[in-house]
Amino acid sequence: MKLKLLGAHAVDRLGDRMMQLFQMMIQALVPQGSWFAMRKPRRTHSSRMKREFTRRKISVSEGAMNKALAAIMLLFLAGCTSQPTQPAQTEKPQPKPSEIETGRGNLQRMYIAARGWQRDAQPFRLQSDITADAKGKDGKSDVWRAWFASPSSRSTKPFAWSGTDAPDAPSRGISPGAEDTYSPTNTSTQVFDIAFLKVDSDKAFEVAQKHGGDKVLEKDPDTPIFYVLDWNHASNQLMWRVIYGTTRDDAKLRVQVDASTGDFIRVEK
């Protein structure tokens, strides 16, 4: 409870109002037979009557005044004190949790977006990102990137799917990138039919774990993992590369898995 400070003008107004209330309460509280209601006594009264009148006058006036003052003080305190208004408590919106998913479903999403760009668009690479919220365990990530080529327009275009609000990631949803030129004779950008992808990245992770990945994570559980899907021109097959590390060059282990059958191919040296 806090006392509100009043200005000089307000104090004067309050004093006048209190005096009016005081007079009204005195009239209401003092009996009709009291000295306020009595006519002025004649001067011929005896000394005994004067003393009696004075005694009654003091008794009545003191009792009435005490009651009036108590009532006025209650009104004054009620008017001068107030509970400050508390601002409404608003809850901060909770951050949306990251969506950590495998690669196959997100390639299909970006494939639809790419077909909106060019009707003959086909993928030639899919790759996961390592972010603050997802280190690639269990074949999953919250950011996947796909590159598509259009032979008719001789151009390529990347797309990214993001399921996180992390500062090092693209905005949530599917985002297109900038176009580039495309050469059909370039084996590193050879397109493939999405129907060849029958084994998802989580299954590729399980295969890689059986061929050295479990030992890498046992030694260093915080090792990040990322996944690359592309067409192997030499063996003529669609292939997952499960890479234990932040880049291909400094990777602790790189395992190839057939993306159509799920078979182990080899460990890259």
Protein backbone atom coordinates (compact mmCIF):
# COMPACT_ATOMS: atom_id res chain seq x y z
CA MET A 1 0.00 0.00 0.00
CA LYS A 2 1.42 3.38 -0.97
CA LEU A 3 0.31 6.91 0.08
CA LYS A 4 -0.30 9.20 -2.85
CA LEU A 5 1.17 12.71 -2.39
CA LEU A 6 -1.37 15.56 -2.80
CA GLY A 7 -0.70 19.05 -4.14
CA ALA A 8 -1.45 22.28 -2.21
CA HIS A 9 -4.63 22.97 -4.17
CA ALA A 10 -5.84 19.43 -3.61
CA VAL A 11 -5.12 19.75 0.13
CA ASP A 12 -7.25 22.91 0.35
CA ARG A 13 -10.10 21.23 -1.47
CA LEU A 14 -9.81 18.17 0.77
CA GLY A 15 -9.88 20.41 3.88
CA ASP A 16 -13.07 22.14 2.73
CA ARG A 17 -14.66 18.80 1.97
CA MET A 18 -13.67 17.42 5.38
CA MET A 19 -15.18 20.44 7.12
CA GLN A 20 -18.46 19.92 5.26
CA LEU A 21 -18.46 16.24 6.17
CA PHE A 22 -17.67 17.15 9.77
CA GLN A 23 -20.61 19.53 10.04
CA MET A 24 -22.96 17.00 8.43
CA MET A 25 -21.84 14.22 10.78
CA ILE A 26 -22.17 16.45 13.84
CA GLN A 27 -25.74 17.22 12.87
CA ALA A 28 -26.45 13.53 12.29
CA LEU A 29 -24.79 12.29 15.46
CA VAL A 30 -25.84 14.97 18.04
CA PRO A 31 -29.29 14.28 19.64
CA GLN A 32 -32.08 16.80 19.07
CA GLY A 33 -32.17 17.70 22.76
CA SER A 34 -28.51 18.62 22.96
CA TRP A 35 -27.06 22.05 23.34
CA PHE A 36 -26.77 22.46 19.55
CA ALA A 37 -30.55 22.20 19.24
CA MET A 38 -31.37 24.25 22.33
CA ARG A 39 -32.24 27.92 22.13
CA LYS A 40 -29.84 30.36 23.74
CA PRO A 41 -30.52 30.35 27.49
CA ARG A 42 -31.79 33.44 29.18
CA ARG A 43 -29.39 35.39 31.42
CA THR A 44 -31.74 34.88 34.42
CA HIS A 45 -30.63 31.24 34.81
CA SER A 46 -29.14 30.38 38.11
CA SER A 47 -25.51 29.39 38.57
CA ARG A 48 -26.51 25.80 39.13
CA MET A 49 -28.33 25.64 35.82
CA LYS A 50 -25.37 27.25 34.04
CA ARG A 51 -23.02 24.60 35.43
CA GLU A 52 -25.41 21.83 34.43
CA PHE A 53 -25.75 23.28 30.95
CA THR A 54 -21.98 23.61 30.57
CA ARG A 55 -21.47 20.01 31.77
CA ARG A 56 -24.00 18.63 29.29
CA LYS A 57 -22.55 20.82 26.54
CA ILE A 58 -19.03 19.51 27.03
CA SER A 59 -20.15 15.88 27.39
CA VAL A 60 -22.25 15.91 24.26
CA SER A 61 -19.78 17.85 22.16
CA GLU A 62 -16.80 15.67 23.09
CA GLY A 63 -18.61 12.43 22.29
CA ALA A 64 -19.98 13.71 19.02
CA MET A 65 -16.64 15.16 18.01
CA ASN A 66 -14.80 11.91 18.71
CA LYS A 67 -17.24 9.95 16.60
CA ALA A 68 -17.06 12.46 13.77
CA LEU A 69 -13.29 12.61 13.78
CA ALA A 70 -13.03 8.81 13.71
CA ALA A 71 -15.39 8.63 10.74
CA ILE A 72 -13.51 11.39 8.87
CA MET A 73 -10.16 9.72 9.45
CA LEU A 74 -11.48 6.46 8.01
CA LEU A 75 -12.72 8.28 4.90
CA PHE A 76 -9.45 10.17 4.58
CA LEU A 77 -7.34 7.03 4.80
CA ALA A 78 -9.58 5.16 2.38
CA GLY A 79 -9.25 7.96 -0.16
CA CYS A 80 -5.51 8.50 0.21
CA THR A 81 -4.38 4.91 0.02
CA SER A 82 -4.61 2.64 -2.97
CA GLN A 83 -3.06 -0.53 -4.28
CA PRO A 84 -0.90 0.26 -7.34
CA THR A 85 -2.08 -1.45 -10.49
CA GLN A 86 0.06 -4.47 -11.27
CA PRO A 87 0.93 -4.92 -14.95
CA ALA A 88 -0.46 -8.07 -16.49
CA GLN A 89 2.07 -10.86 -16.51
CA THR A 90 2.65 -12.09 -20.05
CA GLU A 91 4.43 -15.34 -20.70
CA LYS A 92 7.30 -15.26 -23.14
CA PRO A 93 6.66 -17.46 -26.16
CA GLN A 94 8.54 -20.71 -25.88
CA PRO A 95 10.99 -21.43 -28.69
CA LYS A 96 9.77 -24.03 -31.13
CA PRO A 97 11.76 -27.29 -30.88
CA SER A 98 13.93 -28.31 -33.80
CA GLU A 99 12.61 -30.82 -36.31
CA ILE A 100 15.34 -33.42 -36.76
CA GLU A 101 14.61 -35.74 -39.67
CA THR A 102 16.13 -38.21 -42.10
CA GLY A 103 17.10 -37.29 -45.65
CA ARG A 104 14.69 -39.15 -47.93
CA GLY A 105 11.51 -37.29 -46.98
CA ASN A 106 13.19 -33.92 -47.26
CA LEU A 107 14.62 -34.74 -50.68
CA GLN A 108 11.08 -35.44 -51.84
CA ARG A 109 9.90 -32.09 -50.46
CA MET A 110 12.66 -30.19 -52.21
CA TYR A 111 12.08 -32.22 -55.39
CA ILE A 112 8.53 -30.81 -55.56
CA ALA A 113 9.91 -27.28 -55.12
CA ALA A 114 12.54 -27.90 -57.82
CA ARG A 115 9.86 -29.08 -60.26
CA GLY A 116 8.18 -25.73 -59.72
CA TRP A 117 11.42 -24.15 -60.89
CA GLN A 118 11.97 -26.39 -63.96
CA ARG A 119 9.72 -29.26 -65.06
CA ASP A 120 12.69 -31.49 -65.98
CA ALA A 121 14.67 -30.83 -62.77
CA GLN A 122 16.43 -33.89 -61.31
CA PRO A 123 18.61 -34.16 -58.16
CA PHE A 124 22.32 -34.82 -58.33
CA ARG A 125 23.26 -34.41 -54.63
CA LEU A 126 21.73 -34.43 -51.16
CA GLN A 127 23.71 -33.45 -48.07
CA SER A 128 23.02 -32.83 -44.39
CA ASP A 129 24.36 -29.96 -42.30
CA ILE A 130 25.91 -30.13 -38.85
CA THR A 131 24.23 -27.56 -36.60
CA ALA A 132 24.15 -26.60 -32.94
CA ASP A 133 21.01 -28.70 -32.41
CA ALA A 134 21.83 -31.71 -34.60
CA LYS A 135 25.16 -33.48 -34.88
CA GLY A 136 23.99 -36.13 -37.35
CA LYS A 137 23.37 -39.01 -34.97
CA ASP A 138 20.93 -41.73 -36.12
CA GLY A 139 21.02 -40.50 -39.72
CA LYS A 140 19.11 -37.31 -38.89
CA SER A 141 19.63 -33.59 -39.21
CA ASP A 142 17.58 -30.40 -38.91
CA VAL A 143 19.04 -28.98 -42.15
CA TRP A 144 19.21 -30.81 -45.50
CA ARG A 145 20.42 -29.34 -48.79
CA ALA A 146 19.73 -30.67 -52.30
CA TRP A 147 21.09 -29.65 -55.69
CA PHE A 148 19.04 -30.05 -58.87
CA ALA A 149 19.90 -29.74 -62.54
CA SER A 150 17.74 -28.92 -65.56
CA PRO A 151 19.19 -30.30 -68.83
CA SER A 152 16.77 -28.22 -70.90
CA SER A 153 17.85 -24.91 -69.33
CA ARG A 154 21.44 -26.07 -68.68
CA SER A 155 21.26 -24.70 -65.16
CA THR A 156 21.44 -25.93 -61.58
CA LYS A 157 19.68 -24.66 -58.50
CA PRO A 158 20.15 -25.57 -54.81
CA PHE A 159 17.36 -25.86 -52.28
CA ALA A 160 17.54 -26.12 -48.50
CA TRP A 161 15.11 -27.53 -45.96
CA SER A 162 15.43 -26.29 -42.38
CA GLY A 163 13.60 -27.40 -39.27
CA THR A 164 15.40 -25.18 -36.79
CA ASP A 165 15.72 -21.56 -35.68
CA ALA A 166 19.42 -21.94 -34.92
CA PRO A 167 21.47 -18.87 -35.94
CA ASP A 168 23.76 -20.98 -38.13
CA ALA A 169 20.86 -22.45 -40.13
CA PRO A 170 18.54 -21.23 -42.91
CA SER A 171 15.01 -20.11 -42.08
CA ARG A 172 12.49 -22.86 -41.39
CA GLY A 173 10.95 -24.50 -44.40
CA ILE A 174 12.29 -24.76 -47.95
CA SER A 175 14.51 -22.01 -49.31
CA PRO A 176 15.80 -21.78 -52.92
CA GLY A 177 19.34 -20.74 -53.78
CA ALA A 178 20.99 -19.05 -56.73
CA GLU A 179 21.11 -20.66 -60.17
CA ASP A 180 24.34 -21.80 -61.80
CA THR A 181 25.33 -23.30 -65.12
CA TYR A 182 25.05 -27.03 -65.77
CA SER A 183 27.04 -29.34 -68.01
CA PRO A 184 25.57 -32.82 -68.68
CA THR A 185 29.07 -34.22 -69.26
CA ASN A 186 30.26 -33.29 -65.77
CA THR A 187 30.31 -36.59 -63.82
CA SER A 188 30.29 -34.81 -60.43
CA THR A 189 26.85 -33.37 -61.18
CA GLN A 190 25.26 -36.41 -62.79
CA VAL A 191 21.52 -36.43 -62.09
CA PHE A 192 19.67 -39.50 -60.85
CA ASP A 193 16.11 -40.72 -60.69
CA ILE A 194 14.65 -40.24 -57.21
CA ALA A 195 13.03 -43.68 -57.49
CA PHE A 196 16.47 -45.26 -56.94
CA LEU A 197 16.50 -43.96 -53.37
CA LYS A 198 15.00 -46.81 -51.35
CA VAL A 199 17.24 -46.74 -48.24
CA ASP A 200 17.03 -43.74 -45.94
CA SER A 201 19.89 -42.07 -44.08
CA ASP A 202 19.04 -43.71 -40.74
CA LYS A 203 19.61 -47.16 -42.29
CA ALA A 204 22.86 -45.94 -43.83
CA PHE A 205 23.96 -44.85 -40.35
CA GLU A 206 23.22 -48.32 -38.94
CA VAL A 207 25.36 -49.94 -41.64
CA ALA A 208 28.20 -47.48 -41.04
CA GLN A 209 28.09 -48.17 -37.31
CA LYS A 210 28.77 -51.85 -38.01
CA HIS A 211 31.83 -50.99 -40.07
CA GLY A 212 33.82 -48.82 -37.69
CA GLY A 213 31.41 -46.07 -36.74
CA ASP A 214 30.62 -47.56 -33.34
CA LYS A 215 34.31 -47.48 -32.38
CA VAL A 216 34.62 -43.84 -33.46
CA LEU A 217 31.67 -42.78 -31.30
CA GLU A 218 32.81 -44.95 -28.41
CA LYS A 219 36.12 -43.11 -28.38
CA ASP A 220 34.58 -39.67 -28.96
CA PRO A 221 30.77 -39.54 -28.54
CA ASP A 222 30.65 -35.90 -29.65
CA THR A 223 31.99 -36.64 -33.12
CA PRO A 224 29.68 -34.95 -35.67
CA ILE A 225 28.36 -36.93 -38.65
CA PHE A 226 27.04 -35.75 -41.98
CA TYR A 227 25.58 -37.58 -44.98
CA VAL A 228 26.07 -37.19 -48.73
CA LEU A 229 23.88 -38.86 -51.36
CA ASP A 230 25.00 -38.85 -55.01
CA TRP A 231 25.46 -41.03 -58.07
CA ASN A 232 28.64 -43.09 -58.32
CA HIS A 233 29.57 -42.90 -61.98
CA ALA A 234 32.22 -45.62 -61.72
CA SER A 235 29.94 -48.27 -60.19
CA ASN A 236 26.75 -46.85 -61.71
CA GLN A 237 24.80 -46.81 -58.44
CA LEU A 238 23.21 -44.38 -56.02
CA MET A 239 25.30 -44.21 -52.86
CA TRP A 240 25.23 -42.83 -49.33
CA ARG A 241 28.48 -41.57 -47.82
CA VAL A 242 28.39 -41.53 -44.02
CA ILE A 243 31.17 -39.20 -42.90
CA TYR A 244 32.36 -39.04 -39.27
CA GLY A 245 33.81 -35.55 -38.94
CA THR A 246 33.17 -31.94 -39.91
CA THR A 247 34.62 -32.23 -43.46
CA ARG A 248 35.62 -34.98 -45.87
CA ASP A 249 39.28 -34.10 -45.56
CA ASP A 250 39.57 -34.38 -41.77
CA ALA A 251 37.00 -37.19 -41.36
CA LYS A 252 37.78 -39.97 -38.89
CA LEU A 253 35.79 -42.44 -40.98
CA ARG A 254 33.94 -42.48 -44.35
CA VAL A 255 31.61 -45.36 -45.14
CA GLN A 256 29.84 -46.00 -48.47
CA VAL A 257 26.38 -47.63 -48.42
CA ASP A 258 24.22 -48.62 -51.41
CA ALA A 259 21.17 -46.30 -51.32
CA SER A 260 18.98 -48.78 -53.25
CA THR A 261 19.75 -52.01 -51.38
CA GLY A 262 21.27 -50.89 -48.08
CA ASP A 263 24.36 -53.03 -48.64
CA PHE A 264 27.76 -52.02 -47.32
CA ILE A 265 30.06 -51.02 -50.17
CA ARG A 266 33.38 -50.05 -48.62
CA VAL A 267 35.29 -47.81 -46.22
CA GLU A 268 36.93 -44.92 -48.05
CA LYS A 269 40.63 -44.49 -47.49
